[in-house]
Amino acid sequence: MARKSGDSVLTFILIVVAAMFLATFASPPTPGPPIGGGP
């Protein structure tokens, strides 16, 4: 296994996947009518 490039790429991918997972799990409120709210 590569020590420098491989480790860097693996860490980068891990960070990207973690960021995407967090963004999907705790996504900000999307614009539009609130669910269960309004008149």
Protein backbone atom coordinates (compact mmCIF):
# COMPACT_ATOMS: atom_id res chain seq x y z
CA MET A 1 0.00 0.00 0.00
CA ALA A 2 1.15 3.53 -0.70
CA ARG A 3 2.11 5.43 2.40
CA LYS A 4 1.92 9.08 1.41
CA SER A 5 -0.34 9.48 -1.63
CA GLY A 6 -2.60 6.57 -0.73
CA ASP A 7 -3.08 7.76 2.84
CA SER A 8 -3.80 11.31 1.68
CA VAL A 9 -6.34 10.18 -0.90
CA LEU A 10 -7.99 7.84 1.57
CA THR A 11 -8.25 10.59 4.19
CA PHE A 12 -9.61 13.03 1.61
CA ILE A 13 -12.26 10.57 0.45
CA LEU A 14 -13.20 9.78 4.04
CA ILE A 15 -13.65 13.48 4.83
CA VAL A 16 -15.75 14.03 1.69
CA VAL A 17 -17.98 11.04 2.46
CA ALA A 18 -18.38 12.17 6.07
CA ALA A 19 -19.27 15.69 4.94
CA MET A 20 -21.85 14.37 2.47
CA PHE A 21 -23.34 12.08 5.12
CA LEU A 22 -23.60 14.92 7.63
CA ALA A 23 -25.10 17.24 5.02
CA THR A 24 -27.70 14.60 4.14
CA PHE A 25 -28.44 13.58 7.73
CA ALA A 26 -28.65 17.13 9.12
CA SER A 27 -29.62 19.04 6.00
CA PRO A 28 -30.70 22.67 6.47
CA PRO A 29 -34.42 23.47 6.11
CA THR A 30 -35.29 23.60 2.44
CA PRO A 31 -37.20 26.66 1.15
CA GLY A 32 -40.90 26.07 0.77
CA PRO A 33 -44.07 25.55 2.81
CA PRO A 34 -43.32 23.91 6.17
CA ILE A 35 -44.65 20.40 6.60
CA GLY A 36 -47.68 20.33 8.91
CA GLY A 37 -47.75 24.14 9.06
CA GLY A 38 -49.46 27.06 7.34
CA PRO A 39 -53.16 27.74 6.88
